[in-house]
Amino acid sequence: MRAFEFHPAHQISDAIRSLDEANGNARICAGGTDLLSRLKDDVDNPERLVCIRTLPDLRYIRNDKDGVRIGALTTLSTIEEDAYVQKQLPLLHQALQVTAAPQIRNQATMGGSICQRPRCWYLRGPFDCLRKGGKECFAVYGENKYHAILGGHLCYIVHPSDSATALVALNASVKIHGSKGEKTVPIEKFFVGPEVNILKENILEDDEIITEVFIPHPAPGCRGAFNKSRERQSYDFALASAAVQCRMSRGVCEDVRVVLGGVAPIPWRSREAEAVVRGKKLSAATIREASEAALRNAKPLTQNDYKVDLTKLLLTKSFQQVSI
């Protein structure tokens, strides 16, 4: 690990100023569950770490008339144990229950979970890949068992966050603070695919941090389900996952959001699957058609075609659970 300057921030403005002064050579440190491994693996080499764990105002879960607000430093375990989340946001609760291990959830923050970087071994290893500014994606013809089957334009990383997949399905938004002020962005537009920018995974500028996640209250009749497959049941990143948030009325799906995880460089919203089920009863035939539609454009690499059928199975299970 290389030497760096450590700057504990005591106000949001202090953190932003410290980031701005570093001119892109700083990283935010919160829970540290992803950052520390990146430093040890020599993936990130910042000159400065800006520690925001010292910002107590970013740890909260608040209900207001429009929805629930979660401070970016709130730990995943705190959110998982919240009574409102368990009762009103079962999709998020289910996603958090299968995120990593309890010890990691006790340390990891919501903001950090959303912003964590992909676990691609070429990105994190001694390879000059496209995402590092190199000339090729080594996963195309290399070891690609865990890589993308959707949206993998030039680069075939997969976004690792279960909570991000659930939040996109819940139509959440994120509040961002930076030197130019404050803004709120739908979380679906927060993530950046390789076809947009091969070097970035989200829209954050060097002097910006997430300060809050907002989730609107689910409408009456909403049901949610999250299913994930992983190699180790004790803890692991998703081989594939499927989040479904559906508004049902008299057995008919009036509105729906379908998001897939572990199969694309960003949490992958499947509007194809949504179009199939919207306005229909969730019969076995409709669910099967929707699951097929969601993976119709999949382009597996040499070692990960198993993800196609696996994702269909997980999506089918999620649809079945919201139809009950």
C-alpha atoms as a PDB file:
ATOM      1  CA  MET A   1       0.000   0.000   0.000  1.00  0.00           C
ATOM      2  CA  ARG A   2       1.373   3.402  -0.972  1.00  0.00           C
ATOM      3  CA  ALA A   3       1.609   6.396   1.346  1.00  0.00           C
ATOM      4  CA  PHE A   4      -1.244   8.898   1.435  1.00  0.00           C
ATOM      5  CA  GLU A   5      -2.458  11.902   3.424  1.00  0.00           C
ATOM      6  CA  PHE A   6      -5.393  11.198   5.769  1.00  0.00           C
ATOM      7  CA  HIS A   7      -7.960  13.971   6.172  1.00  0.00           C
ATOM      8  CA  PRO A   8     -10.856  13.453   8.644  1.00  0.00           C
ATOM      9  CA  ALA A   9     -13.735  15.744   7.640  1.00  0.00           C
ATOM     10  CA  HIS A  10     -16.058  17.191  10.284  1.00  0.00           C
ATOM     11  CA  GLN A  11     -18.532  18.881   7.953  1.00  0.00           C
ATOM     12  CA  ILE A  12     -19.800  18.084   4.461  1.00  0.00           C
ATOM     13  CA  SER A  13     -18.304  21.341   3.188  1.00  0.00           C
ATOM     14  CA  ASP A  14     -14.961  20.349   4.674  1.00  0.00           C
ATOM     15  CA  ALA A  15     -15.020  17.002   2.856  1.00  0.00           C
ATOM     16  CA  ILE A  16     -15.940  18.630  -0.455  1.00  0.00           C
ATOM     17  CA  ARG A  17     -13.242  21.268  -0.105  1.00  0.00           C
ATOM     18  CA  SER A  18     -10.624  18.619   0.641  1.00  0.00           C
ATOM     19  CA  LEU A  19     -11.689  16.590  -2.403  1.00  0.00           C
ATOM     20  CA  ASP A  20     -11.668  19.677  -4.603  1.00  0.00           C
ATOM     21  CA  GLU A  21      -8.168  20.663  -3.491  1.00  0.00           C
ATOM     22  CA  ALA A  22      -6.822  17.205  -4.398  1.00  0.00           C
ATOM     23  CA  ASN A  23      -7.681  17.646  -8.099  1.00  0.00           C
ATOM     24  CA  GLY A  24      -8.829  14.064  -8.593  1.00  0.00           C
ATOM     25  CA  ASN A  25      -6.108  12.507  -6.422  1.00  0.00           C
ATOM     26  CA  ALA A  26      -8.350  11.786  -3.422  1.00  0.00           C
ATOM     27  CA  ARG A  27     -10.773   9.048  -2.410  1.00  0.00           C
ATOM     28  CA  ILE A  28     -13.637   9.010   0.065  1.00  0.00           C
ATOM     29  CA  CYS A  29     -13.285   6.660   3.031  1.00  0.00           C
ATOM     30  CA  ALA A  30     -16.454   5.640   4.897  1.00  0.00           C
ATOM     31  CA  GLY A  31     -16.916   1.992   5.882  1.00  0.00           C
ATOM     32  CA  GLY A  32     -13.812   1.070   3.918  1.00  0.00           C
ATOM     33  CA  THR A  33     -14.980  -2.456   3.028  1.00  0.00           C
ATOM     34  CA  ASP A  34     -14.229  -1.897  -0.671  1.00  0.00           C
ATOM     35  CA  LEU A  35     -11.696   0.942  -0.573  1.00  0.00           C
ATOM     36  CA  LEU A  36      -9.138  -0.800   1.654  1.00  0.00           C
ATOM     37  CA  SER A  37      -8.959  -3.826  -0.620  1.00  0.00           C
ATOM     38  CA  ARG A  38      -8.506  -1.543  -3.637  1.00  0.00           C
ATOM     39  CA  LEU A  39      -5.619   0.225  -1.892  1.00  0.00           C
ATOM     40  CA  LYS A  40      -3.985  -3.070  -0.971  1.00  0.00           C
ATOM     41  CA  ASP A  41      -4.421  -4.393  -4.512  1.00  0.00           C
ATOM     42  CA  ASP A  42      -2.865  -1.210  -5.948  1.00  0.00           C
ATOM     43  CA  VAL A  43      -6.038  -0.505  -7.955  1.00  0.00           C
ATOM     44  CA  ASP A  44      -6.411   2.958  -6.413  1.00  0.00           C
ATOM     45  CA  ASN A  45      -3.408   5.093  -5.479  1.00  0.00           C
ATOM     46  CA  PRO A  46      -4.789   8.361  -4.068  1.00  0.00           C
ATOM     47  CA  GLU A  47      -2.602  11.024  -2.573  1.00  0.00           C
ATOM     48  CA  ARG A  48      -5.321  11.771   0.000  1.00  0.00           C
ATOM     49  CA  LEU A  49      -8.047   9.868   1.828  1.00  0.00           C
ATOM     50  CA  VAL A  50     -10.970  12.020   2.940  1.00  0.00           C
ATOM     51  CA  CYS A  51     -12.607  10.253   5.869  1.00  0.00           C
ATOM     52  CA  ILE A  52     -16.326  11.049   6.209  1.00  0.00           C
ATOM     53  CA  ARG A  53     -17.064   8.622   9.037  1.00  0.00           C
ATOM     54  CA  THR A  54     -16.692  11.677  11.265  1.00  0.00           C
ATOM     55  CA  LEU A  55     -19.880  13.232   9.786  1.00  0.00           C
ATOM     56  CA  PRO A  56     -22.610  12.176  12.269  1.00  0.00           C
ATOM     57  CA  ASP A  57     -25.323  14.062  10.382  1.00  0.00           C
ATOM     58  CA  LEU A  58     -25.255  11.440   7.603  1.00  0.00           C
ATOM     59  CA  ARG A  59     -26.434   8.530   9.785  1.00  0.00           C
ATOM     60  CA  TYR A  60     -30.237   8.378   9.865  1.00  0.00           C
ATOM     61  CA  ILE A  61     -33.433   6.780   8.597  1.00  0.00           C
ATOM     62  CA  ARG A  62     -36.292   9.291   8.446  1.00  0.00           C
ATOM     63  CA  ASN A  63     -39.866   8.949   7.281  1.00  0.00           C
ATOM     64  CA  ASP A  64     -41.621  11.947   5.822  1.00  0.00           C
ATOM     65  CA  LYS A  65     -44.892  12.359   3.919  1.00  0.00           C
ATOM     66  CA  ASP A  66     -43.339  11.423   0.555  1.00  0.00           C
ATOM     67  CA  GLY A  67     -40.978   8.611   1.460  1.00  0.00           C
ATOM     68  CA  VAL A  68     -38.065   7.428   3.556  1.00  0.00           C
ATOM     69  CA  ARG A  69     -34.684   9.182   3.635  1.00  0.00           C
ATOM     70  CA  ILE A  70     -31.521   7.261   4.447  1.00  0.00           C
ATOM     71  CA  GLY A  71     -28.271   9.025   5.282  1.00  0.00           C
ATOM     72  CA  ALA A  72     -25.330   7.864   3.184  1.00  0.00           C
ATOM     73  CA  LEU A  73     -23.341   6.748   6.267  1.00  0.00           C
ATOM     74  CA  THR A  74     -26.135   4.572   7.642  1.00  0.00           C
ATOM     75  CA  THR A  75     -24.855   0.999   7.857  1.00  0.00           C
ATOM     76  CA  LEU A  76     -26.513  -1.772   5.898  1.00  0.00           C
ATOM     77  CA  SER A  77     -27.283  -3.673   9.107  1.00  0.00           C
ATOM     78  CA  THR A  78     -29.067  -0.632  10.570  1.00  0.00           C
ATOM     79  CA  ILE A  79     -31.240  -0.379   7.453  1.00  0.00           C
ATOM     80  CA  GLU A  80     -31.856  -4.127   7.417  1.00  0.00           C
ATOM     81  CA  GLU A  81     -33.101  -4.022  11.027  1.00  0.00           C
ATOM     82  CA  ASP A  82     -35.361  -0.973  10.562  1.00  0.00           C
ATOM     83  CA  ALA A  83     -39.049  -1.737  11.164  1.00  0.00           C
ATOM     84  CA  TYR A  84     -40.284   0.437   8.270  1.00  0.00           C
ATOM     85  CA  VAL A  85     -37.896  -1.201   5.817  1.00  0.00           C
ATOM     86  CA  GLN A  86     -38.916  -4.679   6.934  1.00  0.00           C
ATOM     87  CA  LYS A  87     -42.641  -3.977   6.624  1.00  0.00           C
ATOM     88  CA  GLN A  88     -42.954  -1.490   3.749  1.00  0.00           C
ATOM     89  CA  LEU A  89     -39.825  -2.178   1.671  1.00  0.00           C
ATOM     90  CA  PRO A  90     -39.478  -5.969   1.676  1.00  0.00           C
ATOM     91  CA  LEU A  91     -37.538  -5.879  -1.598  1.00  0.00           C
ATOM     92  CA  LEU A  92     -34.760  -3.810  -0.026  1.00  0.00           C
ATOM     93  CA  HIS A  93     -34.868  -5.853   3.167  1.00  0.00           C
ATOM     94  CA  GLN A  94     -34.488  -9.097   1.221  1.00  0.00           C
ATOM     95  CA  ALA A  95     -31.573  -7.662  -0.756  1.00  0.00           C
ATOM     96  CA  LEU A  96     -29.749  -6.543   2.385  1.00  0.00           C
ATOM     97  CA  GLN A  97     -30.238  -9.911   4.069  1.00  0.00           C
ATOM     98  CA  VAL A  98     -28.164 -11.604   1.367  1.00  0.00           C
ATOM     99  CA  THR A  99     -25.533  -8.869   1.035  1.00  0.00           C
ATOM    100  CA  ALA A 100     -22.092 -10.053   2.139  1.00  0.00           C
ATOM    101  CA  ALA A 101     -21.809 -11.262   5.760  1.00  0.00           C
ATOM    102  CA  PRO A 102     -23.245  -9.699   8.957  1.00  0.00           C
ATOM    103  CA  GLN A 103     -19.827  -8.409   9.972  1.00  0.00           C
ATOM    104  CA  ILE A 104     -19.478  -6.556   6.692  1.00  0.00           C
ATOM    105  CA  ARG A 105     -23.029  -5.187   6.868  1.00  0.00           C
ATOM    106  CA  ASN A 106     -22.183  -3.804  10.306  1.00  0.00           C
ATOM    107  CA  GLN A 107     -19.383  -1.768   8.734  1.00  0.00           C
ATOM    108  CA  ALA A 108     -20.514  -1.054   5.168  1.00  0.00           C
ATOM    109  CA  THR A 109     -22.549   2.088   4.475  1.00  0.00           C
ATOM    110  CA  MET A 110     -25.400   2.682   2.055  1.00  0.00           C
ATOM    111  CA  GLY A 111     -23.434   5.289   0.118  1.00  0.00           C
ATOM    112  CA  GLY A 112     -20.421   3.018  -0.124  1.00  0.00           C
ATOM    113  CA  SER A 113     -22.527   0.053  -1.213  1.00  0.00           C
ATOM    114  CA  ILE A 114     -23.923   2.046  -4.118  1.00  0.00           C
ATOM    115  CA  CYS A 115     -20.489   3.349  -5.139  1.00  0.00           C
ATOM    116  CA  GLN A 116     -18.438   0.167  -4.755  1.00  0.00           C
ATOM    117  CA  ARG A 117     -16.340  -0.774  -7.743  1.00  0.00           C
ATOM    118  CA  PRO A 118     -16.611  -4.029  -9.741  1.00  0.00           C
ATOM    119  CA  ARG A 119     -14.726  -7.114  -8.612  1.00  0.00           C
ATOM    120  CA  CYS A 120     -13.306  -7.941 -12.040  1.00  0.00           C
ATOM    121  CA  TRP A 121      -9.966  -9.680 -11.481  1.00  0.00           C
ATOM    122  CA  TYR A 122      -8.469  -7.952 -14.508  1.00  0.00           C
ATOM    123  CA  LEU A 123      -9.392  -4.534 -13.134  1.00  0.00           C
ATOM    124  CA  ARG A 124      -8.062  -5.449  -9.690  1.00  0.00           C
ATOM    125  CA  GLY A 125      -5.048  -7.355 -10.968  1.00  0.00           C
ATOM    126  CA  PRO A 126      -1.826  -6.434 -12.795  1.00  0.00           C
ATOM    127  CA  PHE A 127      -3.514  -5.987 -16.176  1.00  0.00           C
ATOM    128  CA  ASP A 128      -3.616  -2.842 -18.284  1.00  0.00           C
ATOM    129  CA  CYS A 129      -7.283  -3.247 -19.203  1.00  0.00           C
ATOM    130  CA  LEU A 130      -9.620  -0.782 -20.923  1.00  0.00           C
ATOM    131  CA  ARG A 131     -11.035   0.497 -17.635  1.00  0.00           C
ATOM    132  CA  LYS A 132      -7.499   1.444 -16.586  1.00  0.00           C
ATOM    133  CA  GLY A 133      -6.881   3.234 -19.873  1.00  0.00           C
ATOM    134  CA  GLY A 134      -5.448   0.222 -21.700  1.00  0.00           C
ATOM    135  CA  LYS A 135      -6.343  -1.136 -25.126  1.00  0.00           C
ATOM    136  CA  GLU A 136      -8.422  -4.263 -24.465  1.00  0.00           C
ATOM    137  CA  CYS A 137     -10.821  -6.037 -22.134  1.00  0.00           C
ATOM    138  CA  PHE A 138      -9.040  -9.235 -21.153  1.00  0.00           C
ATOM    139  CA  ALA A 139     -12.313 -10.819 -20.041  1.00  0.00           C
ATOM    140  CA  VAL A 140     -13.513 -11.206 -23.636  1.00  0.00           C
ATOM    141  CA  TYR A 141     -11.236 -14.196 -24.269  1.00  0.00           C
ATOM    142  CA  GLY A 142      -9.990 -14.789 -20.728  1.00  0.00           C
ATOM    143  CA  GLU A 143     -11.547 -16.026 -17.499  1.00  0.00           C
ATOM    144  CA  ASN A 144     -15.064 -14.584 -17.736  1.00  0.00           C
ATOM    145  CA  LYS A 145     -17.254 -16.858 -15.623  1.00  0.00           C
ATOM    146  CA  TYR A 146     -18.473 -13.936 -13.502  1.00  0.00           C
ATOM    147  CA  HIS A 147     -18.687 -11.246 -16.178  1.00  0.00           C
ATOM    148  CA  ALA A 148     -21.526  -9.464 -17.975  1.00  0.00           C
ATOM    149  CA  ILE A 149     -24.018 -10.960 -20.411  1.00  0.00           C
ATOM    150  CA  LEU A 150     -25.968  -7.714 -20.892  1.00  0.00           C
ATOM    151  CA  GLY A 151     -24.741  -4.199 -21.696  1.00  0.00           C
ATOM    152  CA  GLY A 152     -21.105  -5.210 -21.929  1.00  0.00           C
ATOM    153  CA  HIS A 153     -20.028  -2.788 -24.624  1.00  0.00           C
ATOM    154  CA  LEU A 154     -16.194  -3.141 -24.827  1.00  0.00           C
ATOM    155  CA  CYS A 155     -15.963  -3.790 -21.053  1.00  0.00           C
ATOM    156  CA  TYR A 156     -17.693  -6.716 -19.325  1.00  0.00           C
ATOM    157  CA  ILE A 157     -17.622  -5.809 -15.650  1.00  0.00           C
ATOM    158  CA  VAL A 158     -20.708  -6.413 -13.493  1.00  0.00           C
ATOM    159  CA  HIS A 159     -22.006  -4.006 -10.877  1.00  0.00           C
ATOM    160  CA  PRO A 160     -21.616  -5.740  -7.483  1.00  0.00           C
ATOM    161  CA  SER A 161     -24.202  -3.967  -5.282  1.00  0.00           C
ATOM    162  CA  ASP A 162     -27.361  -5.842  -4.222  1.00  0.00           C
ATOM    163  CA  SER A 163     -28.757  -2.720  -2.576  1.00  0.00           C
ATOM    164  CA  ALA A 164     -28.305  -0.702  -5.785  1.00  0.00           C
ATOM    165  CA  THR A 165     -30.278  -3.297  -7.752  1.00  0.00           C
ATOM    166  CA  ALA A 166     -33.102  -3.094  -5.210  1.00  0.00           C
ATOM    167  CA  LEU A 167     -33.037   0.716  -5.094  1.00  0.00           C
ATOM    168  CA  VAL A 168     -33.409   1.032  -8.869  1.00  0.00           C
ATOM    169  CA  ALA A 169     -36.461  -1.249  -8.658  1.00  0.00           C
ATOM    170  CA  LEU A 170     -37.852   0.980  -5.887  1.00  0.00           C
ATOM    171  CA  ASN A 171     -37.434   4.127  -8.036  1.00  0.00           C
ATOM    172  CA  ALA A 172     -35.067   5.666  -5.481  1.00  0.00           C
ATOM    173  CA  SER A 173     -32.997   8.802  -5.940  1.00  0.00           C
ATOM    174  CA  VAL A 174     -29.697   9.992  -4.498  1.00  0.00           C
ATOM    175  CA  LYS A 175     -28.739  13.415  -3.159  1.00  0.00           C
ATOM    176  CA  ILE A 176     -25.266  14.568  -4.180  1.00  0.00           C
ATOM    177  CA  HIS A 177     -23.203  17.405  -2.689  1.00  0.00           C
ATOM    178  CA  GLY A 178     -20.255  19.005  -4.466  1.00  0.00           C
ATOM    179  CA  SER A 179     -18.387  22.275  -4.877  1.00  0.00           C
ATOM    180  CA  LYS A 180     -21.083  23.468  -7.313  1.00  0.00           C
ATOM    181  CA  GLY A 181     -23.903  22.811  -4.881  1.00  0.00           C
ATOM    182  CA  GLU A 182     -26.500  20.117  -4.249  1.00  0.00           C
ATOM    183  CA  LYS A 183     -28.524  18.002  -6.674  1.00  0.00           C
ATOM    184  CA  THR A 184     -30.863  15.033  -6.594  1.00  0.00           C
ATOM    185  CA  VAL A 185     -30.650  12.371  -9.289  1.00  0.00           C
ATOM    186  CA  PRO A 186     -32.776   9.254  -9.953  1.00  0.00           C
ATOM    187  CA  ILE A 187     -30.545   6.359  -8.996  1.00  0.00           C
ATOM    188  CA  GLU A 188     -31.236   4.724 -12.347  1.00  0.00           C
ATOM    189  CA  LYS A 189     -29.367   7.645 -13.959  1.00  0.00           C
ATOM    190  CA  PHE A 190     -26.576   7.607 -11.397  1.00  0.00           C
ATOM    191  CA  PHE A 191     -24.766   4.645 -12.948  1.00  0.00           C
ATOM    192  CA  VAL A 192     -22.674   4.912 -16.104  1.00  0.00           C
ATOM    193  CA  GLY A 193     -22.272   2.040 -18.568  1.00  0.00           C
ATOM    194  CA  PRO A 194     -19.123   1.425 -20.630  1.00  0.00           C
ATOM    195  CA  GLU A 195     -20.857   2.606 -23.803  1.00  0.00           C
ATOM    196  CA  VAL A 196     -21.089   6.061 -22.176  1.00  0.00           C
ATOM    197  CA  ASN A 197     -17.693   6.250 -20.460  1.00  0.00           C
ATOM    198  CA  ILE A 198     -15.300   3.322 -20.295  1.00  0.00           C
ATOM    199  CA  LEU A 199     -13.431   4.851 -17.334  1.00  0.00           C
ATOM    200  CA  LYS A 200     -16.381   5.629 -15.022  1.00  0.00           C
ATOM    201  CA  GLU A 201     -19.033   3.625 -13.195  1.00  0.00           C
ATOM    202  CA  ASN A 202     -21.188   6.514 -11.952  1.00  0.00           C
ATOM    203  CA  ILE A 203     -21.753  10.230 -12.497  1.00  0.00           C
ATOM    204  CA  LEU A 204     -19.892  11.466  -9.410  1.00  0.00           C
ATOM    205  CA  GLU A 205     -17.279  14.121 -10.111  1.00  0.00           C
ATOM    206  CA  ASP A 206     -14.016  14.202  -8.163  1.00  0.00           C
ATOM    207  CA  ASP A 207     -15.393  16.714  -5.634  1.00  0.00           C
ATOM    208  CA  GLU A 208     -18.824  15.123  -5.104  1.00  0.00           C
ATOM    209  CA  ILE A 209     -20.225  12.710  -2.510  1.00  0.00           C
ATOM    210  CA  ILE A 210     -23.570  10.993  -1.981  1.00  0.00           C
ATOM    211  CA  THR A 211     -25.218  12.306   1.168  1.00  0.00           C
ATOM    212  CA  GLU A 212     -28.686  10.731   1.081  1.00  0.00           C
ATOM    213  CA  VAL A 213     -30.865   8.091  -0.551  1.00  0.00           C
ATOM    214  CA  PHE A 214     -34.583   8.798  -0.944  1.00  0.00           C
ATOM    215  CA  ILE A 215     -37.142   6.027  -1.513  1.00  0.00           C
ATOM    216  CA  PRO A 216     -40.742   7.065  -2.240  1.00  0.00           C
ATOM    217  CA  HIS A 217     -43.441   5.346  -0.211  1.00  0.00           C
ATOM    218  CA  PRO A 218     -44.755   2.367  -2.202  1.00  0.00           C
ATOM    219  CA  ALA A 219     -48.259   2.871  -3.579  1.00  0.00           C
ATOM    220  CA  PRO A 220     -51.101   0.731  -2.212  1.00  0.00           C
ATOM    221  CA  GLY A 221     -50.981  -2.749  -3.698  1.00  0.00           C
ATOM    222  CA  CYS A 222     -47.209  -2.750  -4.230  1.00  0.00           C
ATOM    223  CA  ARG A 223     -45.310  -5.967  -3.686  1.00  0.00           C
ATOM    224  CA  GLY A 224     -41.594  -6.570  -3.976  1.00  0.00           C
ATOM    225  CA  ALA A 225     -39.267  -9.546  -4.221  1.00  0.00           C
ATOM    226  CA  PHE A 226     -35.506  -9.997  -4.534  1.00  0.00           C
ATOM    227  CA  ASN A 227     -33.764 -13.259  -5.380  1.00  0.00           C
ATOM    228  CA  LYS A 228     -30.050 -13.885  -5.738  1.00  0.00           C
ATOM    229  CA  SER A 229     -27.792 -16.780  -6.650  1.00  0.00           C
ATOM    230  CA  ARG A 230     -24.244 -16.968  -5.276  1.00  0.00           C
ATOM    231  CA  GLU A 231     -21.555 -19.602  -5.010  1.00  0.00           C
ATOM    232  CA  ARG A 232     -21.344 -19.487  -1.219  1.00  0.00           C
ATOM    233  CA  GLN A 233     -24.513 -19.094   0.816  1.00  0.00           C
ATOM    234  CA  SER A 234     -22.648 -17.612   3.790  1.00  0.00           C
ATOM    235  CA  TYR A 235     -21.527 -14.556   1.811  1.00  0.00           C
ATOM    236  CA  ASP A 236     -20.740 -13.757  -1.800  1.00  0.00           C
ATOM    237  CA  PHE A 237     -21.434 -11.407  -4.674  1.00  0.00           C
ATOM    238  CA  ALA A 238     -24.298 -12.259  -7.001  1.00  0.00           C
ATOM    239  CA  LEU A 239     -23.775 -14.582  -9.920  1.00  0.00           C
ATOM    240  CA  ALA A 240     -27.149 -13.123 -10.867  1.00  0.00           C
ATOM    241  CA  SER A 241     -30.073 -11.495  -9.074  1.00  0.00           C
ATOM    242  CA  ALA A 242     -33.578 -10.289  -9.911  1.00  0.00           C
ATOM    243  CA  ALA A 243     -35.573  -7.510  -8.246  1.00  0.00           C
ATOM    244  CA  VAL A 244     -39.267  -7.001  -9.003  1.00  0.00           C
ATOM    245  CA  GLN A 245     -41.457  -4.218  -7.611  1.00  0.00           C
ATOM    246  CA  CYS A 246     -45.047  -4.648  -8.797  1.00  0.00           C
ATOM    247  CA  ARG A 247     -48.288  -2.754  -8.126  1.00  0.00           C
ATOM    248  CA  MET A 248     -51.148  -5.223  -8.189  1.00  0.00           C
ATOM    249  CA  SER A 249     -54.898  -4.551  -8.365  1.00  0.00           C
ATOM    250  CA  ARG A 250     -57.460  -7.356  -8.495  1.00  0.00           C
ATOM    251  CA  GLY A 251     -54.807  -9.759  -9.643  1.00  0.00           C
ATOM    252  CA  VAL A 252     -53.586  -7.522 -12.469  1.00  0.00           C
ATOM    253  CA  CYS A 253     -50.117  -5.995 -12.643  1.00  0.00           C
ATOM    254  CA  GLU A 254     -50.832  -2.282 -13.102  1.00  0.00           C
ATOM    255  CA  ASP A 255     -47.229  -1.122 -12.901  1.00  0.00           C
ATOM    256  CA  VAL A 256     -43.857  -2.823 -12.491  1.00  0.00           C
ATOM    257  CA  ARG A 257     -40.107  -2.286 -12.369  1.00  0.00           C
ATOM    258  CA  VAL A 258     -37.762  -5.175 -13.127  1.00  0.00           C
ATOM    259  CA  VAL A 259     -34.024  -4.892 -12.405  1.00  0.00           C
ATOM    260  CA  LEU A 260     -31.330  -7.529 -12.838  1.00  0.00           C
ATOM    261  CA  GLY A 261     -28.072  -7.654 -10.885  1.00  0.00           C
ATOM    262  CA  GLY A 262     -24.782  -9.469 -11.411  1.00  0.00           C
ATOM    263  CA  VAL A 263     -25.247  -9.641 -15.183  1.00  0.00           C
ATOM    264  CA  ALA A 264     -24.384  -6.139 -16.458  1.00  0.00           C
ATOM    265  CA  PRO A 265     -22.009  -3.220 -15.794  1.00  0.00           C
ATOM    266  CA  ILE A 266     -24.907  -1.355 -14.140  1.00  0.00           C
ATOM    267  CA  PRO A 267     -28.065  -2.476 -12.342  1.00  0.00           C
ATOM    268  CA  TRP A 268     -29.917  -3.584 -15.460  1.00  0.00           C
ATOM    269  CA  ARG A 269     -33.525  -2.469 -15.822  1.00  0.00           C
ATOM    270  CA  SER A 270     -35.475  -4.775 -18.125  1.00  0.00           C
ATOM    271  CA  ARG A 271     -38.169  -2.754 -19.805  1.00  0.00           C
ATOM    272  CA  GLU A 272     -38.741  -5.746 -22.093  1.00  0.00           C
ATOM    273  CA  ALA A 273     -39.938  -7.852 -19.156  1.00  0.00           C
ATOM    274  CA  GLU A 274     -41.957  -4.937 -17.763  1.00  0.00           C
ATOM    275  CA  ALA A 275     -43.806  -4.496 -21.076  1.00  0.00           C
ATOM    276  CA  VAL A 276     -44.829  -8.153 -21.097  1.00  0.00           C
ATOM    277  CA  VAL A 277     -46.472  -8.194 -17.651  1.00  0.00           C
ATOM    278  CA  ARG A 278     -47.859  -4.664 -17.394  1.00  0.00           C
ATOM    279  CA  GLY A 279     -51.678  -4.719 -17.536  1.00  0.00           C
ATOM    280  CA  LYS A 280     -51.858  -8.503 -17.257  1.00  0.00           C
ATOM    281  CA  LYS A 281     -52.402 -11.160 -14.631  1.00  0.00           C
ATOM    282  CA  LEU A 282     -49.189 -12.859 -13.596  1.00  0.00           C
ATOM    283  CA  SER A 283     -50.019 -16.288 -14.967  1.00  0.00           C
ATOM    284  CA  ALA A 284     -47.365 -18.934 -15.453  1.00  0.00           C
ATOM    285  CA  ALA A 285     -47.373 -18.268 -19.194  1.00  0.00           C
ATOM    286  CA  THR A 286     -46.991 -14.487 -18.753  1.00  0.00           C
ATOM    287  CA  ILE A 287     -44.166 -14.902 -16.245  1.00  0.00           C
ATOM    288  CA  ARG A 288     -42.378 -17.303 -18.580  1.00  0.00           C
ATOM    289  CA  GLU A 289     -42.748 -14.872 -21.485  1.00  0.00           C
ATOM    290  CA  ALA A 290     -41.425 -11.984 -19.371  1.00  0.00           C
ATOM    291  CA  SER A 291     -38.395 -13.975 -18.206  1.00  0.00           C
ATOM    292  CA  GLU A 292     -37.574 -14.923 -21.780  1.00  0.00           C
ATOM    293  CA  ALA A 293     -37.947 -11.300 -22.910  1.00  0.00           C
ATOM    294  CA  ALA A 294     -35.587 -10.067 -20.188  1.00  0.00           C
ATOM    295  CA  LEU A 295     -32.712 -12.204 -21.505  1.00  0.00           C
ATOM    296  CA  ARG A 296     -33.513 -12.084 -25.216  1.00  0.00           C
ATOM    297  CA  ASN A 297     -30.635  -9.699 -25.915  1.00  0.00           C
ATOM    298  CA  ALA A 298     -28.105 -11.460 -23.686  1.00  0.00           C
ATOM    299  CA  LYS A 299     -24.668 -12.028 -25.221  1.00  0.00           C
ATOM    300  CA  PRO A 300     -22.775 -14.521 -23.066  1.00  0.00           C
ATOM    301  CA  LEU A 301     -19.006 -14.773 -23.192  1.00  0.00           C
ATOM    302  CA  THR A 302     -17.111 -18.048 -23.499  1.00  0.00           C
ATOM    303  CA  GLN A 303     -17.652 -19.225 -19.888  1.00  0.00           C
ATOM    304  CA  ASN A 304     -20.812 -17.525 -18.589  1.00  0.00           C
ATOM    305  CA  ASP A 305     -23.743 -18.684 -20.712  1.00  0.00           C
ATOM    306  CA  TYR A 306     -25.061 -20.376 -17.536  1.00  0.00           C
ATOM    307  CA  LYS A 307     -26.114 -16.895 -16.393  1.00  0.00           C
ATOM    308  CA  VAL A 308     -28.884 -16.755 -19.002  1.00  0.00           C
ATOM    309  CA  ASP A 309     -30.931 -19.632 -17.610  1.00  0.00           C
ATOM    310  CA  LEU A 310     -29.966 -18.779 -14.035  1.00  0.00           C
ATOM    311  CA  THR A 311     -31.277 -15.214 -14.388  1.00  0.00           C
ATOM    312  CA  LYS A 312     -34.500 -16.449 -15.994  1.00  0.00           C
ATOM    313  CA  LEU A 313     -35.014 -18.756 -13.028  1.00  0.00           C
ATOM    314  CA  LEU A 314     -34.431 -15.988 -10.471  1.00  0.00           C
ATOM    315  CA  LEU A 315     -36.735 -13.593 -12.312  1.00  0.00           C
ATOM    316  CA  THR A 316     -39.439 -16.252 -12.537  1.00  0.00           C
ATOM    317  CA  LYS A 317     -39.162 -16.813  -8.786  1.00  0.00           C
ATOM    318  CA  SER A 318     -39.435 -13.075  -8.052  1.00  0.00           C
ATOM    319  CA  PHE A 319     -42.517 -12.740 -10.260  1.00  0.00           C
ATOM    320  CA  GLN A 320     -44.116 -15.738  -8.591  1.00  0.00           C
ATOM    321  CA  GLN A 321     -43.558 -14.244  -5.149  1.00  0.00           C
ATOM    322  CA  VAL A 322     -45.189 -10.893  -5.990  1.00  0.00           C
ATOM    323  CA  SER A 323     -48.143 -12.659  -7.641  1.00  0.00           C
ATOM    324  CA  ILE A 324     -49.161 -14.508  -4.471  1.00  0.00           C
END
